[in-house]
Structure formats: C-alpha cells, structure tokens
Amino acid sequence: MWFDFKQKVQVEPDFDGPMTLPWEKNDGGRFWKLLHVRPAVVNLAGRGGVAAFFHRGVKPGWMFVCASDDLGDLFARAKDDPDIAEFEMRGGVYVTWSYVKPSFRDGVVAHLRKILRPEIETCALDGNAAYAVDPIAVFPPA
C-alpha cells in the first residue's frame, strides 16, 4: 500500500506504471561503445527494437533515441552518420538497445525522448521520424 502523507489517505498502487525493458549491456555491464558493436557478433542483423545513444565527456548525456526494424543496420549506419560522429570527439558514443515489438516501438521512443531529452531530436538514421504517438511508459536505460 502507498500512502499520501499530505492527505493521510490510503492510495492503491498504480500498476499501469512504467515497464522495465531489458536494456542490452556488454560483458562488463556497461553500455556498448558504438565503434565496438559488431552486429553479426551480437546477432543484431534483422532484429528490431529501440536504441538509445549516450555520450561521455565533460557534459555526458543522451544524444539520440530511435526505433528500427534492423538494429544491426542502424548501428552500422550510425558509425558513419555525421550527427553521431560529432559526439565521438566528446568522449565517445555509447549505445544500448532493447528488443521491442513493432507495435510498441514508436510509443516507447516518444516516452524516452520526453524524459531523456536527447540532444538530437531528428536524424537521418531513422528517417527523421517524429514519433508523434501516445507515449508508452518504460524505465529508461540505466
């Protein structure tokens, strides 16, 4: 049971809250360095989901969040994308992903963009998609 201390009333827990997604990490338990992701090795070719890009450096932060039907192709193209490559000099680009069903991807991205506020809003990587759908609450990568 949850309690609202201002009103001192019992409040039922909200079971419609954020879902926990299994965000992929490397063997060391950290986000993957984009330049080290080899799609064939981690079996990404043809697998769809949601990807979140992060950069380190003086002011680390989220760079870009998107959905793709082929994460392997997305990461291969991201390595050459000028918007993404710009952040490589800022301390490195890191990525994590979660396999999400196609019908939920846009909603998950809409939610993550709202809460993570990535520096890049639109990018050629996902066709400059707007993700103008109802958000689907998920816990962000951590």
C-alpha atoms as a PDB file:
ATOM      1  CA  MET A   1       0.000   0.000   0.000  1.00  0.00           C
ATOM      2  CA  TRP A   2       1.114   3.507  -0.791  1.00  0.00           C
ATOM      3  CA  PHE A   3       0.289   6.416   1.454  1.00  0.00           C
ATOM      4  CA  ASP A   4      -0.184  10.069   0.595  1.00  0.00           C
ATOM      5  CA  PHE A   5       1.262  11.811   3.655  1.00  0.00           C
ATOM      6  CA  LYS A   6      -0.341  15.184   2.850  1.00  0.00           C
ATOM      7  CA  GLN A   7      -3.854  13.792   2.966  1.00  0.00           C
ATOM      8  CA  LYS A   8      -3.134  10.807   5.210  1.00  0.00           C
ATOM      9  CA  VAL A   9      -5.270   8.646   2.936  1.00  0.00           C
ATOM     10  CA  GLN A  10      -4.504   5.206   1.669  1.00  0.00           C
ATOM     11  CA  VAL A  11      -3.751   5.135  -2.051  1.00  0.00           C
ATOM     12  CA  GLU A  12      -3.733   1.974  -4.115  1.00  0.00           C
ATOM     13  CA  PRO A  13      -0.521   1.353  -6.054  1.00  0.00           C
ATOM     14  CA  ASP A  14      -0.591   2.194  -9.739  1.00  0.00           C
ATOM     15  CA  PHE A  15       0.100  -0.970 -11.707  1.00  0.00           C
ATOM     16  CA  ASP A  16      -0.072   0.878 -15.015  1.00  0.00           C
ATOM     17  CA  GLY A  17       3.297   2.464 -14.361  1.00  0.00           C
ATOM     18  CA  PRO A  18       6.474   2.164 -16.412  1.00  0.00           C
ATOM     19  CA  MET A  19       7.532  -1.204 -17.777  1.00  0.00           C
ATOM     20  CA  THR A  20      11.062  -2.454 -17.276  1.00  0.00           C
ATOM     21  CA  LEU A  21      12.843  -3.231 -20.531  1.00  0.00           C
ATOM     22  CA  PRO A  22      15.949  -5.421 -20.687  1.00  0.00           C
ATOM     23  CA  TRP A  23      18.485  -2.865 -21.939  1.00  0.00           C
ATOM     24  CA  GLU A  24      21.486  -4.586 -23.504  1.00  0.00           C
ATOM     25  CA  LYS A  25      24.935  -4.107 -21.990  1.00  0.00           C
ATOM     26  CA  ASN A  26      28.356  -5.545 -22.738  1.00  0.00           C
ATOM     27  CA  ASP A  27      30.043  -8.284 -20.712  1.00  0.00           C
ATOM     28  CA  GLY A  28      31.360  -5.631 -18.317  1.00  0.00           C
ATOM     29  CA  GLY A  29      27.816  -4.478 -17.512  1.00  0.00           C
ATOM     30  CA  ARG A  30      28.199  -1.147 -19.340  1.00  0.00           C
ATOM     31  CA  PHE A  31      26.660   0.396 -22.427  1.00  0.00           C
ATOM     32  CA  TRP A  32      28.312  -0.734 -25.640  1.00  0.00           C
ATOM     33  CA  LYS A  33      30.831   1.619 -27.249  1.00  0.00           C
ATOM     34  CA  LEU A  34      29.287   2.221 -30.668  1.00  0.00           C
ATOM     35  CA  LEU A  35      32.558   1.678 -32.525  1.00  0.00           C
ATOM     36  CA  HIS A  36      32.917  -1.754 -30.877  1.00  0.00           C
ATOM     37  CA  VAL A  37      29.431  -3.037 -31.742  1.00  0.00           C
ATOM     38  CA  ARG A  38      29.716  -5.742 -34.372  1.00  0.00           C
ATOM     39  CA  PRO A  39      26.132  -6.563 -35.416  1.00  0.00           C
ATOM     40  CA  ALA A  40      26.980 -10.065 -36.638  1.00  0.00           C
ATOM     41  CA  VAL A  41      28.711 -10.963 -33.355  1.00  0.00           C
ATOM     42  CA  VAL A  42      25.830  -9.825 -31.131  1.00  0.00           C
ATOM     43  CA  ASN A  43      23.174 -11.191 -33.524  1.00  0.00           C
ATOM     44  CA  LEU A  44      21.539  -7.862 -34.405  1.00  0.00           C
ATOM     45  CA  ALA A  45      21.043  -8.287 -38.139  1.00  0.00           C
ATOM     46  CA  GLY A  46      17.337  -8.127 -38.943  1.00  0.00           C
ATOM     47  CA  ARG A  47      16.270  -7.709 -35.320  1.00  0.00           C
ATOM     48  CA  GLY A  48      14.164  -4.680 -34.462  1.00  0.00           C
ATOM     49  CA  GLY A  49      13.821  -2.605 -31.346  1.00  0.00           C
ATOM     50  CA  VAL A  50      14.580   0.700 -29.670  1.00  0.00           C
ATOM     51  CA  ALA A  51      18.074   2.175 -29.422  1.00  0.00           C
ATOM     52  CA  ALA A  52      19.399   4.884 -27.111  1.00  0.00           C
ATOM     53  CA  PHE A  53      22.702   6.659 -27.811  1.00  0.00           C
ATOM     54  CA  PHE A  54      24.735   8.247 -24.996  1.00  0.00           C
ATOM     55  CA  HIS A  55      27.954  10.257 -24.997  1.00  0.00           C
ATOM     56  CA  ARG A  56      30.560  10.720 -22.318  1.00  0.00           C
ATOM     57  CA  GLY A  57      32.902  13.621 -21.790  1.00  0.00           C
ATOM     58  CA  VAL A  58      32.745  16.882 -19.849  1.00  0.00           C
ATOM     59  CA  LYS A  59      28.944  17.040 -20.058  1.00  0.00           C
ATOM     60  CA  PRO A  60      27.764  13.468 -20.630  1.00  0.00           C
ATOM     61  CA  GLY A  61      24.222  12.982 -21.799  1.00  0.00           C
ATOM     62  CA  TRP A  62      21.723  11.304 -24.050  1.00  0.00           C
ATOM     63  CA  MET A  63      22.251  12.008 -27.722  1.00  0.00           C
ATOM     64  CA  PHE A  64      19.509  10.264 -29.653  1.00  0.00           C
ATOM     65  CA  VAL A  65      16.696   7.747 -29.191  1.00  0.00           C
ATOM     66  CA  CYS A  66      15.065   5.923 -32.101  1.00  0.00           C
ATOM     67  CA  ALA A  67      13.383   2.749 -33.301  1.00  0.00           C
ATOM     68  CA  SER A  68      14.483   0.440 -36.089  1.00  0.00           C
ATOM     69  CA  ASP A  69      13.363  -2.741 -37.824  1.00  0.00           C
ATOM     70  CA  ASP A  70      17.048  -3.708 -38.170  1.00  0.00           C
ATOM     71  CA  LEU A  71      19.290  -2.668 -35.282  1.00  0.00           C
ATOM     72  CA  GLY A  72      22.348  -4.153 -36.998  1.00  0.00           C
ATOM     73  CA  ASP A  73      21.893  -1.876 -39.990  1.00  0.00           C
ATOM     74  CA  LEU A  74      21.106   1.097 -37.717  1.00  0.00           C
ATOM     75  CA  PHE A  75      24.377   0.747 -35.793  1.00  0.00           C
ATOM     76  CA  ALA A  76      26.416   0.213 -38.959  1.00  0.00           C
ATOM     77  CA  ARG A  77      24.993   3.451 -40.409  1.00  0.00           C
ATOM     78  CA  ALA A  78      25.349   5.310 -37.085  1.00  0.00           C
ATOM     79  CA  LYS A  79      29.114   4.810 -37.155  1.00  0.00           C
ATOM     80  CA  ASP A  80      29.253   6.927 -40.340  1.00  0.00           C
ATOM     81  CA  ASP A  81      26.498   9.430 -39.528  1.00  0.00           C
ATOM     82  CA  PRO A  82      27.909  12.982 -39.162  1.00  0.00           C
ATOM     83  CA  ASP A  83      25.451  13.937 -36.378  1.00  0.00           C
ATOM     84  CA  ILE A  84      26.509  10.931 -34.301  1.00  0.00           C
ATOM     85  CA  ALA A  85      30.222  11.069 -35.212  1.00  0.00           C
ATOM     86  CA  GLU A  86      30.432  14.637 -33.909  1.00  0.00           C
ATOM     87  CA  PHE A  87      29.977  13.267 -30.381  1.00  0.00           C
ATOM     88  CA  GLU A  88      32.798  10.725 -30.726  1.00  0.00           C
ATOM     89  CA  MET A  89      35.282  13.527 -30.061  1.00  0.00           C
ATOM     90  CA  ARG A  90      33.371  14.493 -26.895  1.00  0.00           C
ATOM     91  CA  GLY A  91      34.323  11.359 -25.006  1.00  0.00           C
ATOM     92  CA  GLY A  92      32.883   8.564 -27.094  1.00  0.00           C
ATOM     93  CA  VAL A  93      29.490   7.372 -28.246  1.00  0.00           C
ATOM     94  CA  TYR A  94      27.805   4.526 -26.390  1.00  0.00           C
ATOM     95  CA  VAL A  95      24.633   2.667 -27.201  1.00  0.00           C
ATOM     96  CA  THR A  96      22.133   0.326 -25.633  1.00  0.00           C
ATOM     97  CA  TRP A  97      19.066  -1.292 -27.110  1.00  0.00           C
ATOM     98  CA  SER A  98      16.053  -3.331 -26.232  1.00  0.00           C
ATOM     99  CA  TYR A  99      14.061  -5.643 -28.468  1.00  0.00           C
ATOM    100  CA  VAL A 100      10.572  -4.139 -28.619  1.00  0.00           C
ATOM    101  CA  LYS A 101       7.634  -5.359 -30.697  1.00  0.00           C
ATOM    102  CA  PRO A 102       6.921  -3.149 -33.741  1.00  0.00           C
ATOM    103  CA  SER A 103       3.518  -2.021 -32.457  1.00  0.00           C
ATOM    104  CA  PHE A 104       5.087  -0.548 -29.287  1.00  0.00           C
ATOM    105  CA  ARG A 105       8.322   0.960 -30.638  1.00  0.00           C
ATOM    106  CA  ASP A 106       7.088   4.426 -31.561  1.00  0.00           C
ATOM    107  CA  GLY A 107       5.336   4.874 -28.208  1.00  0.00           C
ATOM    108  CA  VAL A 108       8.411   3.760 -26.272  1.00  0.00           C
ATOM    109  CA  VAL A 109      10.613   6.186 -28.246  1.00  0.00           C
ATOM    110  CA  ALA A 110       8.103   9.011 -27.685  1.00  0.00           C
ATOM    111  CA  HIS A 111       8.274   8.415 -23.923  1.00  0.00           C
ATOM    112  CA  LEU A 112      12.063   8.108 -23.795  1.00  0.00           C
ATOM    113  CA  ARG A 113      12.529  11.289 -25.819  1.00  0.00           C
ATOM    114  CA  LYS A 114      10.251  13.109 -23.399  1.00  0.00           C
ATOM    115  CA  ILE A 115      12.086  12.027 -20.249  1.00  0.00           C
ATOM    116  CA  LEU A 116      15.693  11.769 -21.512  1.00  0.00           C
ATOM    117  CA  ARG A 117      15.605  14.958 -23.646  1.00  0.00           C
ATOM    118  CA  PRO A 118      18.287  13.816 -26.113  1.00  0.00           C
ATOM    119  CA  GLU A 119      20.439  16.453 -27.796  1.00  0.00           C
ATOM    120  CA  ILE A 120      19.486  15.268 -31.294  1.00  0.00           C
ATOM    121  CA  GLU A 121      15.741  15.424 -31.928  1.00  0.00           C
ATOM    122  CA  THR A 122      15.697  14.199 -35.517  1.00  0.00           C
ATOM    123  CA  CYS A 123      18.324  12.367 -37.502  1.00  0.00           C
ATOM    124  CA  ALA A 124      18.630  10.711 -40.892  1.00  0.00           C
ATOM    125  CA  LEU A 125      19.278   7.391 -39.121  1.00  0.00           C
ATOM    126  CA  ASP A 126      15.560   6.833 -38.596  1.00  0.00           C
ATOM    127  CA  GLY A 127      14.314   8.932 -41.489  1.00  0.00           C
ATOM    128  CA  ASN A 128      13.770  11.975 -39.264  1.00  0.00           C
ATOM    129  CA  ALA A 129      10.802  10.254 -37.638  1.00  0.00           C
ATOM    130  CA  ALA A 130       8.716  12.420 -35.288  1.00  0.00           C
ATOM    131  CA  TYR A 131       7.245   9.607 -33.115  1.00  0.00           C
ATOM    132  CA  ALA A 132       4.036  11.619 -32.700  1.00  0.00           C
ATOM    133  CA  VAL A 133       2.085   8.901 -30.918  1.00  0.00           C
ATOM    134  CA  ASP A 134       0.902   8.320 -27.378  1.00  0.00           C
ATOM    135  CA  PRO A 135       3.929   7.596 -25.177  1.00  0.00           C
ATOM    136  CA  ILE A 136       4.331   4.157 -23.624  1.00  0.00           C
ATOM    137  CA  ALA A 137       5.969   4.487 -20.225  1.00  0.00           C
ATOM    138  CA  VAL A 138       9.123   2.456 -19.716  1.00  0.00           C
ATOM    139  CA  PHE A 139      12.052   2.846 -17.365  1.00  0.00           C
ATOM    140  CA  PRO A 140      14.990   4.483 -19.135  1.00  0.00           C
ATOM    141  CA  PRO A 141      18.294   2.702 -19.649  1.00  0.00           C
ATOM    142  CA  ALA A 142      20.434   2.690 -16.526  1.00  0.00           C
END
